[in-house]
Amino acid sequence: MNINISKLVSEKTESIDINLEYDLKASNLLYDYNIVEASPISLSGEIYKESENIFIDASFSGEIVFRCSRCLKEFKKNISGDIEFDIQVAEDENNNDNECLKGDYLDLSVVLEEALAFSLPMKVLCKEECEGLCPKCGQNLNIKECNCDLETIDPRLEKLKDFFSNNEEV
């Protein structure tokens, strides 16, 4: 998603309108956030220049199929957000500080992926009260309870179990 911003930098135009769709298939976000599949992410807004900075003011939206971090169930979720990003335009051409600006081209995929990453939760859950899977038998506890005994005591601390059982005053 490279946008030619040479006219913007040379002040031949005041702004560049953005109306694009971005496919996440080649993105690392798919693996980092339990994303199974995603519809193309719609990006709309504008790019403009003030003094020595280029500003991106845009919004994004799309539908993503996630895998729940607790129960592994797949579910769809609509995502949306706003992007307010500014880039300093250096006069010298050896400026390698900004990874989204390469010469006269602005790579909007870097900006969009960063905004998407900030808008997604660290743990994606199908619902807030998701019970997850039983650690012994693997049963999805949202669907059915299991009969596994989950009360295990660390053998190193087993003697502490009976410490207060004698009802003695300490």
C-alpha atoms as a PDB file:
ATOM      1  CA  MET A   1       0.000   0.000   0.000  1.00  0.00           C
ATOM      2  CA  ASN A   2       2.530   2.540  -1.151  1.00  0.00           C
ATOM      3  CA  ILE A   3       1.228   6.062  -1.690  1.00  0.00           C
ATOM      4  CA  ASN A   4       3.228   8.549  -3.752  1.00  0.00           C
ATOM      5  CA  ILE A   5       3.484  11.704  -1.625  1.00  0.00           C
ATOM      6  CA  SER A   6       5.870  13.696  -3.851  1.00  0.00           C
ATOM      7  CA  LYS A   7       3.137  16.217  -4.779  1.00  0.00           C
ATOM      8  CA  LEU A   8       2.294  16.624  -1.105  1.00  0.00           C
ATOM      9  CA  VAL A   9       5.924  17.189  -0.096  1.00  0.00           C
ATOM     10  CA  SER A  10       6.494  19.711  -2.908  1.00  0.00           C
ATOM     11  CA  GLU A  11       3.204  21.386  -1.884  1.00  0.00           C
ATOM     12  CA  LYS A  12       1.551  20.944  -5.294  1.00  0.00           C
ATOM     13  CA  THR A  13      -1.506  19.517  -3.507  1.00  0.00           C
ATOM     14  CA  GLU A  14      -2.990  20.147  -0.072  1.00  0.00           C
ATOM     15  CA  SER A  15      -4.050  16.604   0.758  1.00  0.00           C
ATOM     16  CA  ILE A  16      -4.297  13.081  -0.596  1.00  0.00           C
ATOM     17  CA  ASP A  17      -7.522  11.154  -0.037  1.00  0.00           C
ATOM     18  CA  ILE A  18      -7.226   7.538   1.092  1.00  0.00           C
ATOM     19  CA  ASN A  19      -9.828   4.922   0.244  1.00  0.00           C
ATOM     20  CA  LEU A  20      -8.138   1.508   0.210  1.00  0.00           C
ATOM     21  CA  GLU A  21      -8.600  -2.084   1.246  1.00  0.00           C
ATOM     22  CA  TYR A  22      -5.763  -4.013   2.861  1.00  0.00           C
ATOM     23  CA  ASP A  23      -5.508  -7.804   2.929  1.00  0.00           C
ATOM     24  CA  LEU A  24      -3.915  -9.221   6.081  1.00  0.00           C
ATOM     25  CA  LYS A  25      -2.921 -12.565   4.513  1.00  0.00           C
ATOM     26  CA  ALA A  26       0.787 -11.668   4.370  1.00  0.00           C
ATOM     27  CA  SER A  27       0.844 -10.017   7.805  1.00  0.00           C
ATOM     28  CA  ASN A  28       2.436 -11.343  10.987  1.00  0.00           C
ATOM     29  CA  LEU A  29      -0.665 -10.190  12.863  1.00  0.00           C
ATOM     30  CA  LEU A  30      -2.377 -13.416  11.776  1.00  0.00           C
ATOM     31  CA  TYR A  31      -0.015 -15.464  13.899  1.00  0.00           C
ATOM     32  CA  ASP A  32       0.516 -13.036  16.771  1.00  0.00           C
ATOM     33  CA  TYR A  33      -3.169 -12.519  17.614  1.00  0.00           C
ATOM     34  CA  ASN A  34      -4.837 -15.907  16.928  1.00  0.00           C
ATOM     35  CA  ILE A  35      -6.423 -14.638  13.711  1.00  0.00           C
ATOM     36  CA  VAL A  36      -7.843 -17.454  11.588  1.00  0.00           C
ATOM     37  CA  GLU A  37      -8.938 -15.305   8.659  1.00  0.00           C
ATOM     38  CA  ALA A  38      -9.804 -11.707   7.923  1.00  0.00           C
ATOM     39  CA  SER A  39     -11.852  -9.834   5.401  1.00  0.00           C
ATOM     40  CA  PRO A  40      -9.982  -6.986   3.703  1.00  0.00           C
ATOM     41  CA  ILE A  41      -9.576  -4.072   6.114  1.00  0.00           C
ATOM     42  CA  SER A  42     -11.109  -0.855   4.757  1.00  0.00           C
ATOM     43  CA  LEU A  43      -9.005   2.260   5.263  1.00  0.00           C
ATOM     44  CA  SER A  44     -10.324   5.746   4.529  1.00  0.00           C
ATOM     45  CA  GLY A  45      -9.124   9.221   5.394  1.00  0.00           C
ATOM     46  CA  GLU A  46      -6.550  11.711   4.202  1.00  0.00           C
ATOM     47  CA  ILE A  47      -2.862  12.529   4.237  1.00  0.00           C
ATOM     48  CA  TYR A  48      -1.835  16.167   4.546  1.00  0.00           C
ATOM     49  CA  LYS A  49       1.252  18.237   5.279  1.00  0.00           C
ATOM     50  CA  GLU A  50       1.786  20.976   7.842  1.00  0.00           C
ATOM     51  CA  SER A  51       5.219  22.631   8.106  1.00  0.00           C
ATOM     52  CA  GLU A  52       7.728  19.751   8.056  1.00  0.00           C
ATOM     53  CA  ASN A  53       5.335  16.986   9.125  1.00  0.00           C
ATOM     54  CA  ILE A  54       3.067  14.682   7.187  1.00  0.00           C
ATOM     55  CA  PHE A  55      -0.121  13.729   8.999  1.00  0.00           C
ATOM     56  CA  ILE A  56      -2.293  10.679   8.419  1.00  0.00           C
ATOM     57  CA  ASP A  57      -5.851  11.042   9.668  1.00  0.00           C
ATOM     58  CA  ALA A  58      -7.843   7.921   8.815  1.00  0.00           C
ATOM     59  CA  SER A  59     -10.150   5.228  10.121  1.00  0.00           C
ATOM     60  CA  PHE A  60     -10.240   1.476   9.505  1.00  0.00           C
ATOM     61  CA  SER A  61     -12.819  -1.267   9.828  1.00  0.00           C
ATOM     62  CA  GLY A  62     -13.213  -4.918   8.977  1.00  0.00           C
ATOM     63  CA  GLU A  63     -14.298  -8.325  10.165  1.00  0.00           C
ATOM     64  CA  ILE A  64     -11.849 -10.827  11.616  1.00  0.00           C
ATOM     65  CA  VAL A  65     -12.266 -14.469  12.626  1.00  0.00           C
ATOM     66  CA  PHE A  66     -10.313 -15.095  15.829  1.00  0.00           C
ATOM     67  CA  ARG A  67      -9.517 -18.250  17.801  1.00  0.00           C
ATOM     68  CA  CYS A  68     -10.364 -17.845  21.495  1.00  0.00           C
ATOM     69  CA  SER A  69      -7.289 -17.932  23.733  1.00  0.00           C
ATOM     70  CA  ARG A  70      -9.072 -20.038  26.370  1.00  0.00           C
ATOM     71  CA  CYS A  71     -11.404 -22.486  24.584  1.00  0.00           C
ATOM     72  CA  LEU A  72      -9.999 -22.407  21.001  1.00  0.00           C
ATOM     73  CA  LYS A  73     -13.458 -21.751  19.522  1.00  0.00           C
ATOM     74  CA  GLU A  74     -13.491 -19.661  16.344  1.00  0.00           C
ATOM     75  CA  PHE A  75     -15.621 -16.506  16.378  1.00  0.00           C
ATOM     76  CA  LYS A  76     -16.126 -13.385  14.252  1.00  0.00           C
ATOM     77  CA  LYS A  77     -15.584  -9.904  15.546  1.00  0.00           C
ATOM     78  CA  ASN A  78     -15.918  -6.512  13.873  1.00  0.00           C
ATOM     79  CA  ILE A  79     -12.938  -4.272  14.437  1.00  0.00           C
ATOM     80  CA  SER A  80     -12.592  -0.573  13.846  1.00  0.00           C
ATOM     81  CA  GLY A  81     -10.393   2.269  14.921  1.00  0.00           C
ATOM     82  CA  ASP A  82      -8.884   5.604  14.113  1.00  0.00           C
ATOM     83  CA  ILE A  83      -5.375   6.404  12.953  1.00  0.00           C
ATOM     84  CA  GLU A  84      -3.735   9.696  13.828  1.00  0.00           C
ATOM     85  CA  PHE A  85      -0.116   9.458  12.806  1.00  0.00           C
ATOM     86  CA  ASP A  86       2.516  12.055  11.979  1.00  0.00           C
ATOM     87  CA  ILE A  87       5.846  11.676  10.231  1.00  0.00           C
ATOM     88  CA  GLN A  88       8.698  14.146  10.216  1.00  0.00           C
ATOM     89  CA  VAL A  89       9.938  14.800   6.683  1.00  0.00           C
ATOM     90  CA  ALA A  90      13.710  15.263   6.696  1.00  0.00           C
ATOM     91  CA  GLU A  91      15.428  17.426   4.132  1.00  0.00           C
ATOM     92  CA  ASP A  92      18.299  14.987   3.597  1.00  0.00           C
ATOM     93  CA  GLU A  93      17.619  11.808   1.658  1.00  0.00           C
ATOM     94  CA  ASN A  94      19.621   9.608   4.028  1.00  0.00           C
ATOM     95  CA  ASN A  95      16.853   9.634   6.638  1.00  0.00           C
ATOM     96  CA  ASN A  96      16.310   5.980   7.550  1.00  0.00           C
ATOM     97  CA  ASP A  97      14.643   6.619  10.906  1.00  0.00           C
ATOM     98  CA  ASN A  98      11.122   6.048   9.657  1.00  0.00           C
ATOM     99  CA  GLU A  99      10.310   2.614   8.257  1.00  0.00           C
ATOM    100  CA  CYS A 100       7.048   3.685   6.601  1.00  0.00           C
ATOM    101  CA  LEU A 101       8.579   6.523   4.540  1.00  0.00           C
ATOM    102  CA  LYS A 102      10.822   5.420   1.683  1.00  0.00           C
ATOM    103  CA  GLY A 103      11.753   8.253  -0.644  1.00  0.00           C
ATOM    104  CA  ASP A 104       8.582   9.716  -2.122  1.00  0.00           C
ATOM    105  CA  TYR A 105       6.469   6.750  -1.057  1.00  0.00           C
ATOM    106  CA  LEU A 106       4.554   6.240   2.160  1.00  0.00           C
ATOM    107  CA  ASP A 107       3.891   2.603   3.102  1.00  0.00           C
ATOM    108  CA  LEU A 108       0.457   2.687   4.729  1.00  0.00           C
ATOM    109  CA  SER A 109       0.539  -1.045   5.533  1.00  0.00           C
ATOM    110  CA  VAL A 110       3.094  -0.393   8.301  1.00  0.00           C
ATOM    111  CA  VAL A 111       0.908   2.336   9.807  1.00  0.00           C
ATOM    112  CA  LEU A 112      -2.282   0.262   9.507  1.00  0.00           C
ATOM    113  CA  GLU A 113      -0.754  -2.890  11.020  1.00  0.00           C
ATOM    114  CA  GLU A 114       0.569  -0.870  13.959  1.00  0.00           C
ATOM    115  CA  ALA A 115      -2.856   0.691  14.557  1.00  0.00           C
ATOM    116  CA  LEU A 116      -4.508  -2.743  14.290  1.00  0.00           C
ATOM    117  CA  ALA A 117      -2.062  -4.241  16.779  1.00  0.00           C
ATOM    118  CA  PHE A 118      -2.826  -1.482  19.291  1.00  0.00           C
ATOM    119  CA  SER A 119      -6.582  -1.908  18.852  1.00  0.00           C
ATOM    120  CA  LEU A 120      -6.597  -5.680  19.477  1.00  0.00           C
ATOM    121  CA  PRO A 121      -6.646  -7.120  23.001  1.00  0.00           C
ATOM    122  CA  MET A 122      -3.630  -9.085  24.232  1.00  0.00           C
ATOM    123  CA  LYS A 123      -5.848 -12.123  24.888  1.00  0.00           C
ATOM    124  CA  VAL A 124      -8.708 -12.570  22.467  1.00  0.00           C
ATOM    125  CA  LEU A 125     -11.710 -14.192  24.148  1.00  0.00           C
ATOM    126  CA  CYS A 126     -14.953 -15.414  22.567  1.00  0.00           C
ATOM    127  CA  LYS A 127     -16.794 -13.951  25.564  1.00  0.00           C
ATOM    128  CA  GLU A 128     -15.690 -12.262  28.753  1.00  0.00           C
ATOM    129  CA  GLU A 129     -16.829 -15.160  30.972  1.00  0.00           C
ATOM    130  CA  CYS A 130     -15.240 -17.920  28.853  1.00  0.00           C
ATOM    131  CA  GLU A 131     -14.474 -20.963  31.035  1.00  0.00           C
ATOM    132  CA  GLY A 132     -11.831 -22.405  28.716  1.00  0.00           C
ATOM    133  CA  LEU A 133     -10.745 -26.041  28.488  1.00  0.00           C
ATOM    134  CA  CYS A 134     -10.269 -28.546  31.298  1.00  0.00           C
ATOM    135  CA  PRO A 135      -6.503 -28.962  31.808  1.00  0.00           C
ATOM    136  CA  LYS A 136      -6.903 -32.724  32.370  1.00  0.00           C
ATOM    137  CA  CYS A 137      -9.426 -34.005  29.831  1.00  0.00           C
ATOM    138  CA  GLY A 138      -9.683 -31.091  27.372  1.00  0.00           C
ATOM    139  CA  GLN A 139     -13.469 -30.679  27.672  1.00  0.00           C
ATOM    140  CA  ASN A 140     -14.778 -27.252  26.631  1.00  0.00           C
ATOM    141  CA  LEU A 141     -16.177 -26.039  29.960  1.00  0.00           C
ATOM    142  CA  ASN A 142     -18.487 -23.558  28.215  1.00  0.00           C
ATOM    143  CA  ILE A 143     -20.430 -26.490  26.761  1.00  0.00           C
ATOM    144  CA  LYS A 144     -20.322 -29.113  29.510  1.00  0.00           C
ATOM    145  CA  GLU A 145     -18.780 -29.556  32.947  1.00  0.00           C
ATOM    146  CA  CYS A 146     -16.356 -32.432  33.407  1.00  0.00           C
ATOM    147  CA  ASN A 147     -15.820 -34.646  36.455  1.00  0.00           C
ATOM    148  CA  CYS A 148     -12.059 -34.217  36.688  1.00  0.00           C
ATOM    149  CA  ASP A 149     -10.521 -33.619  40.102  1.00  0.00           C
ATOM    150  CA  LEU A 150      -8.569 -30.422  39.649  1.00  0.00           C
ATOM    151  CA  GLU A 151      -7.518 -30.042  43.261  1.00  0.00           C
ATOM    152  CA  THR A 152      -3.906 -31.074  43.256  1.00  0.00           C
ATOM    153  CA  ILE A 153      -1.461 -30.149  45.943  1.00  0.00           C
ATOM    154  CA  ASP A 154       2.185 -29.569  45.288  1.00  0.00           C
ATOM    155  CA  PRO A 155       3.976 -32.455  47.074  1.00  0.00           C
ATOM    156  CA  ARG A 156       6.480 -30.009  48.539  1.00  0.00           C
ATOM    157  CA  LEU A 157       3.656 -28.180  50.329  1.00  0.00           C
ATOM    158  CA  GLU A 158       1.463 -31.156  51.252  1.00  0.00           C
ATOM    159  CA  LYS A 159       2.404 -31.067  54.966  1.00  0.00           C
ATOM    160  CA  LEU A 160       1.046 -27.506  55.201  1.00  0.00           C
ATOM    161  CA  LYS A 161      -2.436 -28.827  54.363  1.00  0.00           C
ATOM    162  CA  ASP A 162      -2.807 -30.223  57.880  1.00  0.00           C
ATOM    163  CA  PHE A 163      -1.107 -27.305  59.619  1.00  0.00           C
ATOM    164  CA  PHE A 164      -4.340 -25.643  60.861  1.00  0.00           C
ATOM    165  CA  SER A 165      -6.494 -28.800  60.941  1.00  0.00           C
ATOM    166  CA  ASN A 166      -5.950 -29.428  64.690  1.00  0.00           C
ATOM    167  CA  ASN A 167      -7.844 -26.209  65.546  1.00  0.00           C
ATOM    168  CA  GLU A 168      -4.949 -25.142  67.688  1.00  0.00           C
ATOM    169  CA  GLU A 169      -4.544 -21.511  68.525  1.00  0.00           C
ATOM    170  CA  VAL A 170      -1.465 -19.928  67.050  1.00  0.00           C
END
